[in-house]
Amino acid sequence: MTARLLDFHADWCGPCKTQDPILEAIQEDLGDAFELQKVNVDEEQDVANQYQVRSLPTLIIENDEAVVDRFVGVTQREDIEAALSEAGA
């Protein structure tokens, strides 16, 4: 099972810039345990619409079977790691 974290963001989004270092630290610590996919909503509106993203930042954690969790707004590391673990990371 592959765990994926989709990070929906935009260059102009202040809270997105706050979320970035948290995601980078998780990726550094967990390495290949999950796939981080950054989605710029200005460039990939179709993907944002597919996941019904309405606010930024939005983090969606999924595995091969389904969406496991969804976070809107700046999310703490512990919450993200718990959802990744649930997704199989």
C-alpha atoms as a PDB file:
ATOM      1  CA  MET A   1       0.000   0.000   0.000  1.00  0.00           C
ATOM      2  CA  THR A   2       1.394   3.393  -0.978  1.00  0.00           C
ATOM      3  CA  ALA A   3       0.702   6.375   1.267  1.00  0.00           C
ATOM      4  CA  ARG A   4       0.488   9.736  -0.490  1.00  0.00           C
ATOM      5  CA  LEU A   5       0.296  13.234   0.934  1.00  0.00           C
ATOM      6  CA  LEU A   6      -1.134  15.787  -1.465  1.00  0.00           C
ATOM      7  CA  ASP A   7      -0.242  19.343  -0.506  1.00  0.00           C
ATOM      8  CA  PHE A   8      -2.618  21.801  -2.188  1.00  0.00           C
ATOM      9  CA  HIS A   9      -1.014  25.242  -2.057  1.00  0.00           C
ATOM     10  CA  ALA A  10      -0.428  28.502  -3.934  1.00  0.00           C
ATOM     11  CA  ASP A  11       2.556  30.834  -4.139  1.00  0.00           C
ATOM     12  CA  TRP A  12       0.524  33.741  -2.722  1.00  0.00           C
ATOM     13  CA  CYS A  13      -0.773  31.760   0.289  1.00  0.00           C
ATOM     14  CA  GLY A  14       0.830  32.845   3.584  1.00  0.00           C
ATOM     15  CA  PRO A  15      -0.378  29.850   5.655  1.00  0.00           C
ATOM     16  CA  CYS A  16       1.008  27.558   2.920  1.00  0.00           C
ATOM     17  CA  LYS A  17       4.465  29.011   3.564  1.00  0.00           C
ATOM     18  CA  THR A  18       4.007  28.174   7.272  1.00  0.00           C
ATOM     19  CA  GLN A  19       3.052  24.581   6.376  1.00  0.00           C
ATOM     20  CA  ASP A  20       6.056  23.972   4.096  1.00  0.00           C
ATOM     21  CA  PRO A  21       8.781  23.521   6.778  1.00  0.00           C
ATOM     22  CA  ILE A  22       6.548  21.057   8.649  1.00  0.00           C
ATOM     23  CA  LEU A  23       6.099  18.938   5.517  1.00  0.00           C
ATOM     24  CA  GLU A  24       9.805  19.140   4.688  1.00  0.00           C
ATOM     25  CA  ALA A  25      10.735  17.914   8.184  1.00  0.00           C
ATOM     26  CA  ILE A  26       8.312  14.989   7.940  1.00  0.00           C
ATOM     27  CA  GLN A  27       9.639  14.034   4.528  1.00  0.00           C
ATOM     28  CA  GLU A  28      13.212  14.246   5.783  1.00  0.00           C
ATOM     29  CA  ASP A  29      12.428  11.964   8.744  1.00  0.00           C
ATOM     30  CA  LEU A  30      10.145   9.459   7.006  1.00  0.00           C
ATOM     31  CA  GLY A  31      11.958   9.425   3.671  1.00  0.00           C
ATOM     32  CA  ASP A  32      10.467   6.917   1.255  1.00  0.00           C
ATOM     33  CA  ALA A  33       7.653   5.826   3.584  1.00  0.00           C
ATOM     34  CA  PHE A  34       5.249   8.068   1.671  1.00  0.00           C
ATOM     35  CA  GLU A  35       5.024  10.119  -1.506  1.00  0.00           C
ATOM     36  CA  LEU A  36       4.698  13.902  -1.184  1.00  0.00           C
ATOM     37  CA  GLN A  37       2.861  15.438  -4.096  1.00  0.00           C
ATOM     38  CA  LYS A  38       2.722  19.245  -4.182  1.00  0.00           C
ATOM     39  CA  VAL A  39      -0.232  20.621  -6.135  1.00  0.00           C
ATOM     40  CA  ASN A  40      -0.200  24.319  -7.034  1.00  0.00           C
ATOM     41  CA  VAL A  41      -3.902  25.115  -7.330  1.00  0.00           C
ATOM     42  CA  ASP A  42      -3.249  27.999  -9.733  1.00  0.00           C
ATOM     43  CA  GLU A  43      -1.514  25.647 -12.171  1.00  0.00           C
ATOM     44  CA  GLU A  44      -3.536  22.466 -11.564  1.00  0.00           C
ATOM     45  CA  GLN A  45      -7.118  23.593 -11.063  1.00  0.00           C
ATOM     46  CA  ASP A  46      -8.481  20.328 -12.446  1.00  0.00           C
ATOM     47  CA  VAL A  47      -6.768  18.319  -9.692  1.00  0.00           C
ATOM     48  CA  ALA A  48      -7.953  20.784  -7.038  1.00  0.00           C
ATOM     49  CA  ASN A  49     -11.508  20.457  -8.370  1.00  0.00           C
ATOM     50  CA  GLN A  50     -11.264  16.667  -8.425  1.00  0.00           C
ATOM     51  CA  TYR A  51     -10.438  16.708  -4.691  1.00  0.00           C
ATOM     52  CA  GLN A  52     -12.931  19.524  -4.009  1.00  0.00           C
ATOM     53  CA  VAL A  53     -10.294  21.814  -2.510  1.00  0.00           C
ATOM     54  CA  ARG A  54     -11.880  25.100  -1.426  1.00  0.00           C
ATOM     55  CA  SER A  55      -9.346  26.506   1.098  1.00  0.00           C
ATOM     56  CA  LEU A  56      -5.564  26.607   1.385  1.00  0.00           C
ATOM     57  CA  PRO A  57      -3.519  24.931   2.520  1.00  0.00           C
ATOM     58  CA  THR A  58      -5.338  21.619   2.174  1.00  0.00           C
ATOM     59  CA  LEU A  59      -3.537  18.360   2.888  1.00  0.00           C
ATOM     60  CA  ILE A  60      -5.058  15.104   1.705  1.00  0.00           C
ATOM     61  CA  ILE A  61      -3.591  11.804   2.817  1.00  0.00           C
ATOM     62  CA  GLU A  62      -4.568   8.771   0.809  1.00  0.00           C
ATOM     63  CA  ASN A  63      -3.456   5.252   0.044  1.00  0.00           C
ATOM     64  CA  ASP A  64      -4.239   2.901  -2.816  1.00  0.00           C
ATOM     65  CA  GLU A  65      -7.719   2.297  -1.423  1.00  0.00           C
ATOM     66  CA  ALA A  66      -9.129   5.684  -0.396  1.00  0.00           C
ATOM     67  CA  VAL A  67      -8.625   9.096   1.146  1.00  0.00           C
ATOM     68  CA  VAL A  68      -7.594   8.453   4.748  1.00  0.00           C
ATOM     69  CA  ASP A  69      -7.640  12.006   6.088  1.00  0.00           C
ATOM     70  CA  ARG A  70      -8.041  15.614   5.025  1.00  0.00           C
ATOM     71  CA  PHE A  71      -6.719  18.704   6.783  1.00  0.00           C
ATOM     72  CA  VAL A  72      -7.622  22.319   5.984  1.00  0.00           C
ATOM     73  CA  GLY A  73      -5.395  25.082   7.300  1.00  0.00           C
ATOM     74  CA  VAL A  74      -1.956  24.806   8.870  1.00  0.00           C
ATOM     75  CA  THR A  75      -1.726  21.334  10.412  1.00  0.00           C
ATOM     76  CA  GLN A  76       0.631  20.188  13.148  1.00  0.00           C
ATOM     77  CA  ARG A  77       3.258  17.561  12.489  1.00  0.00           C
ATOM     78  CA  GLU A  78       1.813  15.038  14.964  1.00  0.00           C
ATOM     79  CA  ASP A  79      -1.575  15.038  13.216  1.00  0.00           C
ATOM     80  CA  ILE A  80      -0.012  14.583   9.782  1.00  0.00           C
ATOM     81  CA  GLU A  81       2.249  11.754  10.961  1.00  0.00           C
ATOM     82  CA  ALA A  82      -0.671   9.945  12.631  1.00  0.00           C
ATOM     83  CA  ALA A  83      -2.689  10.100   9.403  1.00  0.00           C
ATOM     84  CA  LEU A  84       0.301   8.938   7.337  1.00  0.00           C
ATOM     85  CA  SER A  85       0.736   5.992   9.677  1.00  0.00           C
ATOM     86  CA  GLU A  86      -2.948   5.123   9.283  1.00  0.00           C
ATOM     87  CA  ALA A  87      -2.492   5.292   5.508  1.00  0.00           C
ATOM     88  CA  GLY A  88       0.354   2.774   5.647  1.00  0.00           C
ATOM     89  CA  ALA A  89       3.457   4.984   5.737  1.00  0.00           C
END
